[in-house]
């Protein structure tokens, strides 16, 4: 029945609007704004580790949202949060958010437009169409975000150089670790 499909579509859009607003901000800015504790990503304020500061609340994942997509949303928001807080790359994150907001405004000004209108003709269900569009959004923003994060790690912070130094030190590439260990244990070894 077209009337029922249209009604369900409009109801789902209105019911999911708060969730979509939180998801949109999380996947575009890495900011968790959840005053009513209704999002499936939760912040752990006791954690000092930037990567472990956020986690999934599996009981809050909507039934129509696959756990794998919820996990991808979590990782994407964590990456943006890490880039802003730890790497100081606020400019790039702000540019992404601004571009996304401009695209949303061009689509009619509503955050729901970011995922496109859920037409009554969407098959097999309205929720499936919504999830497919969300998956596309997460994949698109995720590709750009992860590419930028790798660029930061390898170019700005010279990760390869640091890893090579660790390899030389810990894996006996130069013997530094062995020399330091033997120097530290010299007094103990001289006792016998």
Protein backbone atom coordinates (compact mmCIF):
# COMPACT_ATOMS: atom_id res chain seq x y z
CA UNK A 1 0.00 0.00 0.00
CA UNK A 2 1.60 3.31 -1.07
CA UNK A 3 -0.04 5.26 1.76
CA UNK A 4 1.40 2.95 4.42
CA UNK A 5 4.85 3.01 2.78
CA UNK A 6 4.80 6.79 2.66
CA UNK A 7 3.65 6.99 6.28
CA UNK A 8 6.35 4.57 7.46
CA UNK A 9 8.99 6.46 5.47
CA UNK A 10 8.04 9.83 6.99
CA UNK A 11 7.82 8.34 10.48
CA UNK A 12 11.22 6.67 10.19
CA UNK A 13 12.79 9.92 8.96
CA UNK A 14 11.37 11.85 11.90
CA UNK A 15 12.24 9.19 14.46
CA UNK A 16 15.79 8.81 13.11
CA UNK A 17 16.48 12.53 12.80
CA UNK A 18 18.12 12.85 16.27
CA UNK A 19 20.20 9.74 15.59
CA UNK A 20 21.18 11.01 12.17
CA UNK A 21 22.16 14.40 13.61
CA UNK A 22 24.49 12.73 16.10
CA UNK A 23 25.93 10.38 13.46
CA UNK A 24 26.44 13.27 11.04
CA UNK A 25 28.40 15.30 13.57
CA UNK A 26 30.43 12.27 14.70
CA UNK A 27 31.44 11.17 11.18
CA UNK A 28 32.18 14.69 9.93
CA UNK A 29 33.74 16.37 12.98
CA UNK A 30 34.67 13.63 15.47
CA UNK A 31 32.56 15.42 18.08
CA UNK A 32 30.20 13.42 20.26
CA UNK A 33 27.19 15.53 21.20
CA UNK A 34 24.77 13.19 22.97
CA UNK A 35 23.09 15.01 25.87
CA UNK A 36 20.44 12.32 26.37
CA UNK A 37 22.78 9.29 26.14
CA UNK A 38 20.85 7.84 23.19
CA UNK A 39 23.72 7.25 20.76
CA UNK A 40 25.48 3.92 20.29
CA UNK A 41 28.90 5.53 20.74
CA UNK A 42 29.77 6.41 24.31
CA UNK A 43 32.63 8.46 25.71
CA UNK A 44 34.72 7.06 28.54
CA UNK A 45 35.94 10.17 30.39
CA UNK A 46 38.22 8.09 32.65
CA UNK A 47 40.37 6.99 29.69
CA UNK A 48 43.54 8.95 28.95
CA UNK A 49 44.15 7.00 25.75
CA UNK A 50 42.72 8.96 22.81
CA UNK A 51 41.89 5.82 20.82
CA UNK A 52 40.13 4.04 23.68
CA UNK A 53 38.20 7.12 24.81
CA UNK A 54 35.11 6.06 22.82
CA UNK A 55 33.40 2.69 22.58
CA UNK A 56 30.24 1.06 21.26
CA UNK A 57 27.16 0.48 23.36
CA UNK A 58 25.78 -2.57 21.60
CA UNK A 59 22.41 -2.31 23.36
CA UNK A 60 21.89 1.14 21.80
CA UNK A 61 22.53 0.13 18.17
CA UNK A 62 19.21 0.36 16.30
CA UNK A 63 17.97 -3.07 15.19
CA UNK A 64 18.01 -2.08 11.53
CA UNK A 65 21.66 -0.95 11.70
CA UNK A 66 24.22 -3.72 11.18
CA UNK A 67 26.83 -3.91 13.98
CA UNK A 68 29.57 -3.73 11.32
CA UNK A 69 28.27 -0.34 10.16
CA UNK A 70 28.03 0.87 13.77
CA UNK A 71 31.65 -0.20 14.23
CA UNK A 72 32.70 1.68 11.08
CA UNK A 73 30.90 4.80 12.37
CA UNK A 74 32.79 4.42 15.66
CA UNK A 75 36.18 4.06 13.95
CA UNK A 76 35.55 7.00 11.62
CA UNK A 77 34.60 9.29 14.50
CA UNK A 78 37.59 8.08 16.52
CA UNK A 79 39.91 8.87 13.62
CA UNK A 80 38.53 12.40 13.29
CA UNK A 81 38.66 12.90 17.05
CA UNK A 82 42.28 11.68 17.11
CA UNK A 83 43.22 13.98 14.22
CA UNK A 84 41.72 17.01 15.98
CA UNK A 85 42.84 16.31 19.53
CA UNK A 86 46.20 14.55 19.14
CA UNK A 87 47.47 15.64 15.73
CA UNK A 88 46.19 19.20 15.90
CA UNK A 89 44.73 18.90 12.41
CA UNK A 90 41.65 20.95 13.20
CA UNK A 91 41.77 22.83 9.90
CA UNK A 92 41.32 19.72 7.73
CA UNK A 93 38.54 18.36 9.97
CA UNK A 94 36.79 21.74 9.90
CA UNK A 95 37.09 21.87 6.10
CA UNK A 96 35.48 18.43 5.81
CA UNK A 97 32.64 19.47 8.12
CA UNK A 98 32.14 22.73 6.19
CA UNK A 99 32.05 20.90 2.86
CA UNK A 100 29.55 18.39 4.24
CA UNK A 101 27.37 21.19 5.64
CA UNK A 102 27.45 22.95 2.26
CA UNK A 103 26.42 19.72 0.52
CA UNK A 104 23.61 19.27 3.03
CA UNK A 105 22.41 22.86 2.54
CA UNK A 106 22.47 22.38 -1.22
CA UNK A 107 20.31 19.30 -0.75
CA UNK A 108 17.57 21.23 1.01
CA UNK A 109 19.10 22.25 4.29
CA UNK A 110 18.07 19.27 6.39
CA UNK A 111 20.54 16.80 7.79
CA UNK A 112 18.25 14.04 6.60
CA UNK A 113 18.88 15.18 3.04
CA UNK A 114 22.51 14.08 3.46
CA UNK A 115 21.28 10.51 3.08
CA UNK A 116 18.72 11.42 0.47
CA UNK A 117 14.98 11.24 0.69
CA UNK A 118 13.64 7.83 1.55
CA UNK A 119 11.08 7.31 -1.14
CA UNK A 120 8.09 5.04 -0.54
CA UNK A 121 9.18 3.02 -3.56
CA UNK A 122 12.47 2.08 -1.88
CA UNK A 123 12.63 -1.69 -1.71
CA UNK A 124 12.93 -4.00 0.14
CA UNK A 125 12.34 -1.58 3.03
CA UNK A 126 12.76 2.02 4.06
CA UNK A 127 15.26 1.06 6.77
CA UNK A 128 17.36 -0.90 4.28
CA UNK A 129 17.52 2.11 1.96
CA UNK A 130 18.49 4.36 4.86
CA UNK A 131 21.24 1.95 5.96
CA UNK A 132 22.56 1.67 2.39
CA UNK A 133 22.83 5.45 2.09
CA UNK A 134 24.49 5.68 5.50
CA UNK A 135 26.97 2.98 4.42
CA UNK A 136 27.79 5.05 1.33
CA UNK A 137 28.31 8.18 3.42
CA UNK A 138 30.55 6.37 5.92
CA UNK A 139 32.58 4.77 3.12
CA UNK A 140 33.02 8.08 1.29
CA UNK A 141 33.99 10.16 4.33
CA UNK A 142 36.00 7.26 5.74
CA UNK A 143 38.18 6.93 2.65
CA UNK A 144 39.14 10.61 2.77
CA UNK A 145 39.64 10.60 6.54
CA UNK A 146 41.78 7.49 6.65
CA UNK A 147 43.89 8.72 3.73
CA UNK A 148 44.47 11.99 5.59
CA UNK A 149 45.33 10.16 8.82
CA UNK A 150 47.91 8.01 7.02
CA UNK A 151 49.33 11.14 5.40
CA UNK A 152 49.67 12.75 8.84
CA UNK A 153 51.31 9.71 10.39
CA UNK A 154 53.80 9.07 7.59
CA UNK A 155 54.56 12.60 6.38
CA UNK A 156 54.10 15.02 9.26
CA UNK A 157 55.04 12.69 12.12
CA UNK A 158 57.55 10.49 10.23
CA UNK A 159 56.18 7.20 11.52
CA UNK A 160 58.48 5.09 9.32
CA UNK A 161 61.55 6.80 10.79
CA UNK A 162 60.36 6.20 14.34
CA UNK A 163 59.52 2.57 13.62
CA UNK A 164 62.93 2.01 12.02
CA UNK A 165 64.61 3.48 15.11
CA UNK A 166 62.57 1.19 17.37
CA UNK A 167 63.45 -1.77 15.18
CA UNK A 168 67.15 -0.98 15.42
CA UNK A 169 66.99 -0.50 19.18
CA UNK A 170 64.66 -3.31 20.26
CA UNK A 171 65.37 -5.89 17.62
CA UNK A 172 69.13 -5.64 18.03
CA UNK A 173 69.69 -3.88 14.73
CA UNK A 174 72.53 -1.93 16.32
CA UNK A 175 72.79 -3.80 19.58
CA UNK A 176 71.81 -0.73 21.63
CA UNK A 177 69.27 -2.62 23.69
CA UNK A 178 71.74 -5.38 24.51
CA UNK A 179 74.42 -2.87 25.50
CA UNK A 180 72.00 -0.96 27.75
CA UNK A 181 70.74 -4.20 29.31
CA UNK A 182 74.24 -5.50 29.96
CA UNK A 183 75.31 -2.15 31.45
CA UNK A 184 72.28 -2.17 33.75
CA UNK A 185 72.87 -5.77 34.82
CA UNK A 186 76.68 -5.43 35.20
CA UNK A 187 76.62 -5.04 38.98
CA UNK A 188 74.28 -8.01 39.38
CA UNK A 189 76.36 -10.18 37.07
CA UNK A 190 79.62 -9.18 38.79
CA UNK A 191 78.35 -10.49 42.14
CA UNK A 192 78.86 -14.09 41.09
